Amino acid sequence: MRSSDGTRGASKLVIADTLACSVARTCVRCLVSERFVFESVLASAVARRGVALMGICNVTPDSFSDGGAHFSREAACAHVDRLIAEGADLIDIGGESTRPGSKPVSGQEQIRRVREVVRYASQKTLVSIDTTSPDVADACLRAGACVINDVSCLRDPRLADVAADHQAPLVLMHSRESQEHMPGFSKEPETRYQDVVAEVISEWTKAADEAKRRGVRSIVMDPGLGFNKSAKHSMTLLANTSTVAAAVAVPVLIGASRKSFLQSVDPDAGPNDRIGASVSAAVFAASHGAKLVRVHDVRGTRQAIDLSRMLRGEHA
């Protein structure tokens, strides 16, 4: 780890010791990189449940599902505790809404919103910072985050430089344009893709290759359900989770939770009424090769995945 922040290093040693698999425990007295912590926690979660549960903490006033609910530091930290108690393996913290039509939030404002929440959460669990800003990523990695979650598909290549400098894993999500220019929830024209699975894999691979060229050694693939995609595009990608996972040969993260494409099975359901479909999507993804699922409802998702594995005679 290249940071001289002793507190941050100490917190990650605690995480490696208490949350990760046995190999992490053998190294608890040495400095461990963000990559090592992440890969250890992921391996432990996959061995235990088949998939890691990434809980969502939006420190925003305007996110599509829970905007404003966790906007204060106190509310966000309480939500972090709740996600951990429900069984989250890691928590994704963001200070900028990515709903269609939302305006960009300055790096300075994002840092103001999330840094203390990241600092708090990183003393308890593994944290990813959901941002497209290199400055925000750097500040939050210094505050204790271990992972960068980039929903822009490396629109700003400097984000890869930050990940490489901190030896941090990079979640690369497929998208084509910023949220500001998205036409609406699942309103992308069907003609934007001729073969959505093949095109998403190809475009994502180009971004991943650039990240590797800049020194990133640990990458996670997110096909970007709902981002520059129609409901049909997102459903097709979810249905082909196993194809995507085989093609990219890195861990795949699926983020379907409460998204508008789930209205395919219930057209009148608002974000908070899509829990059943969200849980079903997570169970499907977990049983078809995804190694992480990003969810709002950790307890319900955990119960469904554990029961599904138990009924199949797998360990839970």
C-alpha atoms as a PDB file:
ATOM      1  CA  MET A   1       0.000   0.000   0.000  1.00  0.00           C
ATOM      2  CA  ARG A   2       1.466   3.341  -1.014  1.00  0.00           C
ATOM      3  CA  SER A   3      -0.268   5.452   1.593  1.00  0.00           C
ATOM      4  CA  SER A   4       1.506   6.674   4.694  1.00  0.00           C
ATOM      5  CA  ASP A   5      -1.839   6.921   6.506  1.00  0.00           C
ATOM      6  CA  GLY A   6      -1.313   4.549   9.401  1.00  0.00           C
ATOM      7  CA  THR A   7      -4.954   4.648  10.486  1.00  0.00           C
ATOM      8  CA  ARG A   8      -6.169   3.625   7.053  1.00  0.00           C
ATOM      9  CA  GLY A   9      -3.664   0.810   6.878  1.00  0.00           C
ATOM     10  CA  ALA A  10      -4.623  -0.406  10.343  1.00  0.00           C
ATOM     11  CA  SER A  11      -8.320  -0.456   9.495  1.00  0.00           C
ATOM     12  CA  LYS A  12      -7.659  -2.584   6.430  1.00  0.00           C
ATOM     13  CA  LEU A  13      -5.617  -5.025   8.473  1.00  0.00           C
ATOM     14  CA  VAL A  14      -8.614  -5.402  10.795  1.00  0.00           C
ATOM     15  CA  ILE A  15     -10.917  -6.000   7.823  1.00  0.00           C
ATOM     16  CA  ALA A  16      -8.554  -8.581   6.371  1.00  0.00           C
ATOM     17  CA  ASP A  17      -8.372 -10.341   9.736  1.00  0.00           C
ATOM     18  CA  THR A  18     -12.060 -10.333  10.564  1.00  0.00           C
ATOM     19  CA  LEU A  19     -13.794 -10.616   7.203  1.00  0.00           C
ATOM     20  CA  ALA A  20     -11.487 -12.289   4.721  1.00  0.00           C
ATOM     21  CA  CYS A  21     -10.563 -15.898   4.150  1.00  0.00           C
ATOM     22  CA  SER A  22      -7.880 -17.756   6.063  1.00  0.00           C
ATOM     23  CA  VAL A  23      -5.091 -16.683   3.755  1.00  0.00           C
ATOM     24  CA  ALA A  24      -5.704 -13.060   4.736  1.00  0.00           C
ATOM     25  CA  ARG A  25      -5.456 -13.946   8.408  1.00  0.00           C
ATOM     26  CA  THR A  26      -1.973 -15.360   7.911  1.00  0.00           C
ATOM     27  CA  CYS A  27      -0.842 -11.957   6.597  1.00  0.00           C
ATOM     28  CA  VAL A  28      -2.626  -9.779   9.119  1.00  0.00           C
ATOM     29  CA  ARG A  29       0.611  -8.404  10.551  1.00  0.00           C
ATOM     30  CA  CYS A  30       1.885  -7.152   7.218  1.00  0.00           C
ATOM     31  CA  LEU A  31       0.653  -4.252   5.149  1.00  0.00           C
ATOM     32  CA  VAL A  32      -1.895  -5.463   2.644  1.00  0.00           C
ATOM     33  CA  SER A  33      -2.955  -3.746  -0.549  1.00  0.00           C
ATOM     34  CA  GLU A  34      -6.508  -2.805  -1.394  1.00  0.00           C
ATOM     35  CA  ARG A  35      -6.375  -5.512  -4.045  1.00  0.00           C
ATOM     36  CA  PHE A  36      -5.433  -8.177  -1.509  1.00  0.00           C
ATOM     37  CA  VAL A  37      -8.178  -7.128   0.916  1.00  0.00           C
ATOM     38  CA  PHE A  38     -10.819  -7.099  -1.814  1.00  0.00           C
ATOM     39  CA  GLU A  39      -9.811 -10.417  -3.333  1.00  0.00           C
ATOM     40  CA  SER A  40      -9.679 -12.064   0.098  1.00  0.00           C
ATOM     41  CA  VAL A  41     -13.133 -10.800   1.086  1.00  0.00           C
ATOM     42  CA  LEU A  42     -14.547 -11.798  -2.303  1.00  0.00           C
ATOM     43  CA  ALA A  43     -13.058 -15.285  -2.065  1.00  0.00           C
ATOM     44  CA  SER A  44     -14.468 -15.722   1.436  1.00  0.00           C
ATOM     45  CA  ALA A  45     -17.955 -14.585   0.394  1.00  0.00           C
ATOM     46  CA  VAL A  46     -17.991 -16.789  -2.703  1.00  0.00           C
ATOM     47  CA  ALA A  47     -16.863 -19.804  -0.681  1.00  0.00           C
ATOM     48  CA  ARG A  48     -19.596 -19.146   1.876  1.00  0.00           C
ATOM     49  CA  ARG A  49     -22.531 -18.089  -0.325  1.00  0.00           C
ATOM     50  CA  GLY A  50     -21.436 -18.328  -3.951  1.00  0.00           C
ATOM     51  CA  VAL A  51     -21.576 -14.560  -4.353  1.00  0.00           C
ATOM     52  CA  ALA A  52     -20.633 -11.391  -2.469  1.00  0.00           C
ATOM     53  CA  LEU A  53     -23.367  -9.001  -1.373  1.00  0.00           C
ATOM     54  CA  MET A  54     -22.604  -5.341  -2.063  1.00  0.00           C
ATOM     55  CA  GLY A  55     -24.918  -3.096  -0.061  1.00  0.00           C
ATOM     56  CA  ILE A  56     -25.816   0.334  -1.444  1.00  0.00           C
ATOM     57  CA  CYS A  57     -25.409   3.571   0.497  1.00  0.00           C
ATOM     58  CA  ASN A  58     -26.386   6.658  -1.506  1.00  0.00           C
ATOM     59  CA  VAL A  59     -25.355   9.854   0.271  1.00  0.00           C
ATOM     60  CA  THR A  60     -27.399  11.946  -2.134  1.00  0.00           C
ATOM     61  CA  PRO A  61     -30.585  14.025  -2.125  1.00  0.00           C
ATOM     62  CA  ASP A  62     -31.817  12.687  -5.467  1.00  0.00           C
ATOM     63  CA  SER A  63     -30.983   9.033  -6.152  1.00  0.00           C
ATOM     64  CA  PHE A  64     -33.786   7.246  -7.991  1.00  0.00           C
ATOM     65  CA  SER A  65     -34.710   4.846  -5.193  1.00  0.00           C
ATOM     66  CA  ASP A  66     -33.774   6.320  -1.827  1.00  0.00           C
ATOM     67  CA  GLY A  67     -32.696   9.880  -2.583  1.00  0.00           C
ATOM     68  CA  GLY A  68     -32.445  11.916   0.587  1.00  0.00           C
ATOM     69  CA  ALA A  69     -33.004   9.022   2.991  1.00  0.00           C
ATOM     70  CA  HIS A  70     -29.297   8.784   3.879  1.00  0.00           C
ATOM     71  CA  PHE A  71     -28.123  12.266   2.933  1.00  0.00           C
ATOM     72  CA  SER A  72     -26.909  13.331   6.370  1.00  0.00           C
ATOM     73  CA  ARG A  73     -23.757  11.799   7.824  1.00  0.00           C
ATOM     74  CA  GLU A  74     -25.724  10.390  10.758  1.00  0.00           C
ATOM     75  CA  ALA A  75     -28.345   8.756   8.531  1.00  0.00           C
ATOM     76  CA  ALA A  76     -25.703   7.369   6.173  1.00  0.00           C
ATOM     77  CA  CYS A  77     -23.659   5.880   9.008  1.00  0.00           C
ATOM     78  CA  ALA A  78     -26.787   4.336  10.518  1.00  0.00           C
ATOM     79  CA  HIS A  79     -27.574   2.823   7.120  1.00  0.00           C
ATOM     80  CA  VAL A  80     -24.043   1.425   6.928  1.00  0.00           C
ATOM     81  CA  ASP A  81     -24.602  -0.305  10.267  1.00  0.00           C
ATOM     82  CA  ARG A  82     -27.932  -1.670   9.049  1.00  0.00           C
ATOM     83  CA  LEU A  83     -26.417  -3.067   5.839  1.00  0.00           C
ATOM     84  CA  ILE A  84     -23.634  -4.758   7.795  1.00  0.00           C
ATOM     85  CA  ALA A  85     -26.126  -6.254  10.257  1.00  0.00           C
ATOM     86  CA  GLU A  86     -28.160  -7.621   7.350  1.00  0.00           C
ATOM     87  CA  GLY A  87     -25.113  -9.414   5.937  1.00  0.00           C
ATOM     88  CA  ALA A  88     -23.409  -7.126   3.405  1.00  0.00           C
ATOM     89  CA  ASP A  89     -19.901  -8.251   2.508  1.00  0.00           C
ATOM     90  CA  LEU A  90     -18.961  -4.795   1.264  1.00  0.00           C
ATOM     91  CA  ILE A  91     -20.672  -1.421   0.944  1.00  0.00           C
ATOM     92  CA  ASP A  92     -20.754   0.836  -2.089  1.00  0.00           C
ATOM     93  CA  ILE A  93     -20.883   4.500  -1.070  1.00  0.00           C
ATOM     94  CA  GLY A  94     -21.653   7.266  -3.557  1.00  0.00           C
ATOM     95  CA  GLY A  95     -22.273  10.994  -3.441  1.00  0.00           C
ATOM     96  CA  GLU A  96     -23.631  11.562  -6.941  1.00  0.00           C
ATOM     97  CA  SER A  97     -26.920  10.334  -8.358  1.00  0.00           C
ATOM     98  CA  THR A  98     -26.703   8.425 -11.636  1.00  0.00           C
ATOM     99  CA  ARG A  99     -30.419   8.486 -12.434  1.00  0.00           C
ATOM    100  CA  PRO A 100     -31.201   9.569 -16.001  1.00  0.00           C
ATOM    101  CA  GLY A 101     -31.151  13.334 -16.414  1.00  0.00           C
ATOM    102  CA  SER A 102     -29.330  14.063 -13.167  1.00  0.00           C
ATOM    103  CA  LYS A 103     -26.739  16.813 -13.254  1.00  0.00           C
ATOM    104  CA  PRO A 104     -23.060  16.181 -12.466  1.00  0.00           C
ATOM    105  CA  VAL A 105     -21.928  16.867  -8.901  1.00  0.00           C
ATOM    106  CA  SER A 106     -18.540  18.504  -8.434  1.00  0.00           C
ATOM    107  CA  GLY A 107     -15.727  16.452  -6.982  1.00  0.00           C
ATOM    108  CA  GLN A 108     -15.461  18.821  -4.047  1.00  0.00           C
ATOM    109  CA  GLU A 109     -19.136  18.360  -3.182  1.00  0.00           C
ATOM    110  CA  GLN A 110     -18.952  14.587  -3.547  1.00  0.00           C
ATOM    111  CA  ILE A 111     -16.008  14.502  -1.161  1.00  0.00           C
ATOM    112  CA  ARG A 112     -17.891  16.677   1.319  1.00  0.00           C
ATOM    113  CA  ARG A 113     -20.824  14.287   1.220  1.00  0.00           C
ATOM    114  CA  VAL A 114     -19.064  10.956   1.470  1.00  0.00           C
ATOM    115  CA  ARG A 115     -15.590  11.182   2.983  1.00  0.00           C
ATOM    116  CA  GLU A 116     -16.613  10.897   6.635  1.00  0.00           C
ATOM    117  CA  VAL A 117     -19.086   8.147   5.805  1.00  0.00           C
ATOM    118  CA  VAL A 118     -16.317   6.249   4.003  1.00  0.00           C
ATOM    119  CA  ARG A 119     -14.038   6.779   6.979  1.00  0.00           C
ATOM    120  CA  TYR A 120     -16.703   5.437   9.346  1.00  0.00           C
ATOM    121  CA  ALA A 121     -17.665   2.448   7.210  1.00  0.00           C
ATOM    122  CA  SER A 122     -14.088   1.422   6.459  1.00  0.00           C
ATOM    123  CA  GLN A 123     -13.476   0.795  10.156  1.00  0.00           C
ATOM    124  CA  LYS A 124     -16.149  -1.912   9.981  1.00  0.00           C
ATOM    125  CA  THR A 125     -16.184  -3.439   6.499  1.00  0.00           C
ATOM    126  CA  LEU A 126     -14.848  -3.281   2.968  1.00  0.00           C
ATOM    127  CA  VAL A 127     -15.859  -0.095   1.151  1.00  0.00           C
ATOM    128  CA  SER A 128     -16.066   0.820  -2.518  1.00  0.00           C
ATOM    129  CA  ILE A 129     -16.415   4.411  -3.657  1.00  0.00           C
ATOM    130  CA  ASP A 130     -18.955   4.926  -6.427  1.00  0.00           C
ATOM    131  CA  THR A 131     -17.571   7.802  -8.492  1.00  0.00           C
ATOM    132  CA  THR A 132     -16.332   8.760 -11.937  1.00  0.00           C
ATOM    133  CA  SER A 133     -14.029  11.457 -10.520  1.00  0.00           C
ATOM    134  CA  PRO A 134     -10.315  10.707 -10.036  1.00  0.00           C
ATOM    135  CA  ASP A 135     -10.131  13.316  -7.262  1.00  0.00           C
ATOM    136  CA  VAL A 136     -13.041  11.776  -5.348  1.00  0.00           C
ATOM    137  CA  ALA A 137     -11.613   8.287  -5.780  1.00  0.00           C
ATOM    138  CA  ASP A 138      -8.214   9.361  -4.481  1.00  0.00           C
ATOM    139  CA  ALA A 139      -9.667  11.193  -1.476  1.00  0.00           C
ATOM    140  CA  CYS A 140     -11.874   8.248  -0.532  1.00  0.00           C
ATOM    141  CA  LEU A 141      -9.144   5.643  -0.949  1.00  0.00           C
ATOM    142  CA  ARG A 142      -7.058   7.762   1.428  1.00  0.00           C
ATOM    143  CA  ALA A 143     -10.035   7.835   3.812  1.00  0.00           C
ATOM    144  CA  GLY A 144     -10.287   4.037   3.882  1.00  0.00           C
ATOM    145  CA  ALA A 145     -12.094   2.794   0.776  1.00  0.00           C
ATOM    146  CA  CYS A 146     -10.549  -0.223  -0.965  1.00  0.00           C
ATOM    147  CA  VAL A 147     -12.320  -0.295  -4.334  1.00  0.00           C
ATOM    148  CA  ILE A 148     -13.309   2.199  -7.046  1.00  0.00           C
ATOM    149  CA  ASN A 149     -16.686   1.660  -8.703  1.00  0.00           C
ATOM    150  CA  ASP A 150     -16.723   3.515 -12.039  1.00  0.00           C
ATOM    151  CA  VAL A 151     -20.080   3.706 -13.832  1.00  0.00           C
ATOM    152  CA  SER A 152     -18.607   5.586 -16.816  1.00  0.00           C
ATOM    153  CA  CYS A 153     -16.625   2.727 -18.419  1.00  0.00           C
ATOM    154  CA  LEU A 154     -13.428   4.724 -17.879  1.00  0.00           C
ATOM    155  CA  ARG A 155     -14.588   7.916 -19.556  1.00  0.00           C
ATOM    156  CA  ASP A 156     -11.762   9.619 -17.652  1.00  0.00           C
ATOM    157  CA  PRO A 157      -8.698   7.344 -17.918  1.00  0.00           C
ATOM    158  CA  ARG A 158      -7.092   9.110 -14.941  1.00  0.00           C
ATOM    159  CA  LEU A 159      -9.404   7.034 -12.763  1.00  0.00           C
ATOM    160  CA  ALA A 160      -7.328   4.006 -13.749  1.00  0.00           C
ATOM    161  CA  ASP A 161      -4.179   5.890 -12.757  1.00  0.00           C
ATOM    162  CA  VAL A 162      -5.620   6.445  -9.273  1.00  0.00           C
ATOM    163  CA  ALA A 163      -6.568   2.772  -8.978  1.00  0.00           C
ATOM    164  CA  ALA A 164      -3.084   1.707 -10.062  1.00  0.00           C
ATOM    165  CA  ASP A 165      -1.372   4.133  -7.692  1.00  0.00           C
ATOM    166  CA  HIS A 166      -3.335   2.767  -4.716  1.00  0.00           C
ATOM    167  CA  GLN A 167      -3.190  -0.851  -5.964  1.00  0.00           C
ATOM    168  CA  ALA A 168      -6.976  -0.743  -5.770  1.00  0.00           C
ATOM    169  CA  PRO A 169      -9.430  -2.931  -7.674  1.00  0.00           C
ATOM    170  CA  LEU A 170     -11.533  -1.155 -10.285  1.00  0.00           C
ATOM    171  CA  VAL A 171     -15.143  -2.016 -11.021  1.00  0.00           C
ATOM    172  CA  LEU A 172     -15.741  -1.015 -14.633  1.00  0.00           C
ATOM    173  CA  MET A 173     -19.390  -0.679 -15.569  1.00  0.00           C
ATOM    174  CA  HIS A 174     -20.442  -0.518 -19.203  1.00  0.00           C
ATOM    175  CA  SER A 175     -22.100   2.685 -20.310  1.00  0.00           C
ATOM    176  CA  ARG A 176     -21.932   4.910 -23.362  1.00  0.00           C
ATOM    177  CA  GLU A 177     -22.935   8.363 -22.125  1.00  0.00           C
ATOM    178  CA  SER A 178     -23.190  10.191 -18.817  1.00  0.00           C
ATOM    179  CA  GLN A 179     -26.458  10.060 -16.893  1.00  0.00           C
ATOM    180  CA  GLU A 180     -27.093  13.670 -17.843  1.00  0.00           C
ATOM    181  CA  HIS A 181     -27.638  12.609 -21.455  1.00  0.00           C
ATOM    182  CA  MET A 182     -29.696   9.463 -20.884  1.00  0.00           C
ATOM    183  CA  PRO A 183     -33.178   9.833 -22.365  1.00  0.00           C
ATOM    184  CA  GLY A 184     -35.000   8.381 -19.349  1.00  0.00           C
ATOM    185  CA  PHE A 185     -35.490   5.234 -17.298  1.00  0.00           C
ATOM    186  CA  SER A 186     -35.054   2.321 -19.748  1.00  0.00           C
ATOM    187  CA  LYS A 187     -35.958   4.660 -22.633  1.00  0.00           C
ATOM    188  CA  GLU A 188     -32.950   3.909 -24.819  1.00  0.00           C
ATOM    189  CA  PRO A 189     -33.987   3.153 -28.440  1.00  0.00           C
ATOM    190  CA  GLU A 190     -33.934  -0.542 -29.261  1.00  0.00           C
ATOM    191  CA  THR A 191     -31.837   0.280 -32.326  1.00  0.00           C
ATOM    192  CA  ARG A 192     -28.871   1.446 -30.229  1.00  0.00           C
ATOM    193  CA  TYR A 193     -27.577  -2.135 -30.229  1.00  0.00           C
ATOM    194  CA  GLN A 194     -27.701  -4.842 -32.867  1.00  0.00           C
ATOM    195  CA  ASP A 195     -26.345  -7.460 -30.437  1.00  0.00           C
ATOM    196  CA  VAL A 196     -26.351  -5.984 -26.955  1.00  0.00           C
ATOM    197  CA  VAL A 197     -24.386  -8.806 -25.308  1.00  0.00           C
ATOM    198  CA  ALA A 198     -21.605  -8.839 -27.894  1.00  0.00           C
ATOM    199  CA  GLU A 199     -21.373  -5.039 -28.089  1.00  0.00           C
ATOM    200  CA  VAL A 200     -21.297  -4.557 -24.317  1.00  0.00           C
ATOM    201  CA  ILE A 201     -18.543  -7.155 -23.971  1.00  0.00           C
ATOM    202  CA  SER A 202     -16.521  -5.589 -26.799  1.00  0.00           C
ATOM    203  CA  GLU A 203     -16.820  -2.015 -25.551  1.00  0.00           C
ATOM    204  CA  TRP A 204     -16.123  -3.021 -21.961  1.00  0.00           C
ATOM    205  CA  THR A 205     -13.047  -4.994 -23.023  1.00  0.00           C
ATOM    206  CA  LYS A 206     -11.547  -1.905 -24.665  1.00  0.00           C
ATOM    207  CA  ALA A 207     -11.937   0.034 -21.404  1.00  0.00           C
ATOM    208  CA  ALA A 208     -10.512  -2.854 -19.385  1.00  0.00           C
ATOM    209  CA  ASP A 209      -7.501  -3.093 -21.692  1.00  0.00           C
ATOM    210  CA  GLU A 210      -6.823   0.606 -21.184  1.00  0.00           C
ATOM    211  CA  ALA A 211      -7.076   0.195 -17.412  1.00  0.00           C
ATOM    212  CA  LYS A 212      -4.612  -2.694 -17.523  1.00  0.00           C
ATOM    213  CA  ARG A 213      -2.252  -0.656 -19.697  1.00  0.00           C
ATOM    214  CA  ARG A 214      -2.269   2.002 -16.986  1.00  0.00           C
ATOM    215  CA  GLY A 215      -1.350  -0.516 -14.315  1.00  0.00           C
ATOM    216  CA  VAL A 216      -4.650  -1.731 -12.835  1.00  0.00           C
ATOM    217  CA  ARG A 217      -4.215  -5.342 -11.787  1.00  0.00           C
ATOM    218  CA  SER A 218      -7.660  -6.216 -10.433  1.00  0.00           C
ATOM    219  CA  ILE A 219     -10.807  -5.489 -12.473  1.00  0.00           C
ATOM    220  CA  VAL A 220     -14.471  -6.371 -12.010  1.00  0.00           C
ATOM    221  CA  MET A 221     -16.955  -6.273 -14.894  1.00  0.00           C
ATOM    222  CA  ASP A 222     -20.441  -4.753 -14.562  1.00  0.00           C
ATOM    223  CA  PRO A 223     -22.569  -4.924 -17.754  1.00  0.00           C
ATOM    224  CA  GLY A 224     -24.411  -1.774 -16.702  1.00  0.00           C
ATOM    225  CA  LEU A 225     -28.053  -2.800 -16.544  1.00  0.00           C
ATOM    226  CA  GLY A 226     -30.193   0.280 -17.094  1.00  0.00           C
ATOM    227  CA  PHE A 227     -27.361   2.509 -18.293  1.00  0.00           C
ATOM    228  CA  ASN A 228     -27.881   3.565 -21.935  1.00  0.00           C
ATOM    229  CA  LYS A 229     -30.075   0.507 -22.356  1.00  0.00           C
ATOM    230  CA  SER A 230     -33.741  -0.237 -22.889  1.00  0.00           C
ATOM    231  CA  ALA A 231     -35.614  -2.616 -20.608  1.00  0.00           C
ATOM    232  CA  LYS A 232     -35.190  -5.328 -23.254  1.00  0.00           C
ATOM    233  CA  HIS A 233     -31.444  -4.686 -23.461  1.00  0.00           C
ATOM    234  CA  SER A 234     -31.086  -4.997 -19.674  1.00  0.00           C
ATOM    235  CA  MET A 235     -33.211  -8.145 -19.504  1.00  0.00           C
ATOM    236  CA  THR A 236     -31.139  -9.707 -22.282  1.00  0.00           C
ATOM    237  CA  LEU A 237     -27.900  -8.929 -20.481  1.00  0.00           C
ATOM    238  CA  LEU A 238     -29.212 -10.338 -17.204  1.00  0.00           C
ATOM    239  CA  ALA A 239     -30.430 -13.481 -18.962  1.00  0.00           C
ATOM    240  CA  ASN A 240     -26.945 -13.882 -20.449  1.00  0.00           C
ATOM    241  CA  THR A 241     -24.992 -13.423 -17.223  1.00  0.00           C
ATOM    242  CA  SER A 242     -23.186 -16.729 -17.751  1.00  0.00           C
ATOM    243  CA  THR A 243     -22.190 -15.744 -21.295  1.00  0.00           C
ATOM    244  CA  VAL A 244     -20.815 -12.414 -20.081  1.00  0.00           C
ATOM    245  CA  ALA A 245     -18.918 -14.054 -17.216  1.00  0.00           C
ATOM    246  CA  ALA A 246     -17.307 -16.611 -19.526  1.00  0.00           C
ATOM    247  CA  ALA A 247     -16.312 -13.958 -22.055  1.00  0.00           C
ATOM    248  CA  VAL A 248     -14.609 -11.461 -19.741  1.00  0.00           C
ATOM    249  CA  ALA A 249     -12.806 -13.926 -17.447  1.00  0.00           C
ATOM    250  CA  VAL A 250     -12.915 -11.566 -14.455  1.00  0.00           C
ATOM    251  CA  PRO A 251     -15.463 -11.368 -11.609  1.00  0.00           C
ATOM    252  CA  VAL A 252     -18.827 -10.057 -12.819  1.00  0.00           C
ATOM    253  CA  LEU A 253     -21.017  -7.740 -10.756  1.00  0.00           C
ATOM    254  CA  ILE A 254     -24.738  -7.499 -11.472  1.00  0.00           C
ATOM    255  CA  GLY A 255     -26.652  -4.437 -10.312  1.00  0.00           C
ATOM    256  CA  ALA A 256     -30.355  -4.936 -11.008  1.00  0.00           C
ATOM    257  CA  SER A 257     -31.732  -3.728  -7.692  1.00  0.00           C
ATOM    258  CA  ARG A 258     -34.975  -1.705  -7.996  1.00  0.00           C
ATOM    259  CA  LYS A 259     -34.138  -0.616 -11.560  1.00  0.00           C
ATOM    260  CA  SER A 260     -36.835   0.404 -14.006  1.00  0.00           C
ATOM    261  CA  PHE A 261     -36.348  -2.522 -16.406  1.00  0.00           C
ATOM    262  CA  LEU A 262     -37.872  -4.732 -13.690  1.00  0.00           C
ATOM    263  CA  GLN A 263     -41.206  -3.110 -14.526  1.00  0.00           C
ATOM    264  CA  SER A 264     -41.261  -5.643 -17.359  1.00  0.00           C
ATOM    265  CA  VAL A 265     -43.035  -7.916 -14.849  1.00  0.00           C
ATOM    266  CA  ASP A 266     -44.998  -5.196 -13.021  1.00  0.00           C
ATOM    267  CA  PRO A 267     -45.460  -2.019 -15.073  1.00  0.00           C
ATOM    268  CA  ASP A 268     -46.919   0.052 -12.231  1.00  0.00           C
ATOM    269  CA  ALA A 269     -44.251  -0.778  -9.639  1.00  0.00           C
ATOM    270  CA  GLY A 270     -42.231   2.149  -8.336  1.00  0.00           C
ATOM    271  CA  PRO A 271     -38.620   1.662  -7.195  1.00  0.00           C
ATOM    272  CA  ASN A 272     -39.561   0.567  -3.669  1.00  0.00           C
ATOM    273  CA  ASP A 273     -42.163  -1.872  -5.023  1.00  0.00           C
ATOM    274  CA  ARG A 274     -39.646  -3.824  -7.112  1.00  0.00           C
ATOM    275  CA  ILE A 275     -38.093  -5.768  -4.236  1.00  0.00           C
ATOM    276  CA  GLY A 276     -39.397  -9.169  -5.315  1.00  0.00           C
ATOM    277  CA  ALA A 277     -38.096  -8.734  -8.848  1.00  0.00           C
ATOM    278  CA  SER A 278     -34.811  -7.337  -7.507  1.00  0.00           C
ATOM    279  CA  VAL A 279     -34.252 -10.357  -5.285  1.00  0.00           C
ATOM    280  CA  SER A 280     -35.163 -12.743  -8.104  1.00  0.00           C
ATOM    281  CA  ALA A 281     -32.670 -11.011 -10.395  1.00  0.00           C
ATOM    282  CA  ALA A 282     -29.939 -11.353  -7.767  1.00  0.00           C
ATOM    283  CA  VAL A 283     -30.673 -15.055  -7.239  1.00  0.00           C
ATOM    284  CA  PHE A 284     -30.576 -15.642 -10.991  1.00  0.00           C
ATOM    285  CA  ALA A 285     -27.319 -13.736 -11.385  1.00  0.00           C
ATOM    286  CA  ALA A 286     -25.699 -15.557  -8.470  1.00  0.00           C
ATOM    287  CA  SER A 287     -26.627 -18.941  -9.932  1.00  0.00           C
ATOM    288  CA  HIS A 288     -25.357 -18.004 -13.404  1.00  0.00           C
ATOM    289  CA  GLY A 289     -21.818 -16.904 -12.726  1.00  0.00           C
ATOM    290  CA  ALA A 290     -21.986 -13.468 -11.098  1.00  0.00           C
ATOM    291  CA  LYS A 291     -19.552 -13.107  -8.196  1.00  0.00           C
ATOM    292  CA  LEU A 292     -21.058  -9.904  -6.787  1.00  0.00           C
ATOM    293  CA  VAL A 293     -24.573  -8.490  -6.660  1.00  0.00           C
ATOM    294  CA  ARG A 294     -25.179  -4.834  -5.796  1.00  0.00           C
ATOM    295  CA  VAL A 295     -28.399  -4.561  -3.794  1.00  0.00           C
ATOM    296  CA  HIS A 296     -30.501  -2.234  -1.673  1.00  0.00           C
ATOM    297  CA  ASP A 297     -32.233  -5.045   0.223  1.00  0.00           C
ATOM    298  CA  VAL A 298     -29.406  -7.080   1.701  1.00  0.00           C
ATOM    299  CA  ARG A 299     -31.353  -9.248   4.151  1.00  0.00           C
ATOM    300  CA  GLY A 300     -33.987 -10.355   1.634  1.00  0.00           C
ATOM    301  CA  THR A 301     -31.356 -11.067  -1.002  1.00  0.00           C
ATOM    302  CA  ARG A 302     -29.222 -13.024   1.460  1.00  0.00           C
ATOM    303  CA  GLN A 303     -32.180 -15.122   2.578  1.00  0.00           C
ATOM    304  CA  ALA A 304     -33.236 -15.916  -0.978  1.00  0.00           C
ATOM    305  CA  ILE A 305     -29.744 -16.887  -2.136  1.00  0.00           C
ATOM    306  CA  ASP A 306     -29.060 -18.978   0.966  1.00  0.00           C
ATOM    307  CA  LEU A 307     -32.384 -20.812   0.679  1.00  0.00           C
ATOM    308  CA  SER A 308     -31.892 -21.426  -3.028  1.00  0.00           C
ATOM    309  CA  ARG A 309     -28.478 -22.948  -2.354  1.00  0.00           C
ATOM    310  CA  MET A 310     -29.819 -25.006   0.538  1.00  0.00           C
ATOM    311  CA  LEU A 311     -32.608 -26.435  -1.603  1.00  0.00           C
ATOM    312  CA  ARG A 312     -30.037 -27.403  -4.238  1.00  0.00           C
ATOM    313  CA  GLY A 313     -28.016 -29.203  -1.597  1.00  0.00           C
ATOM    314  CA  GLU A 314     -25.228 -26.625  -1.586  1.00  0.00           C
ATOM    315  CA  HIS A 315     -23.589 -25.180   1.488  1.00  0.00           C
ATOM    316  CA  ALA A 316     -25.336 -22.145   2.994  1.00  0.00           C
END
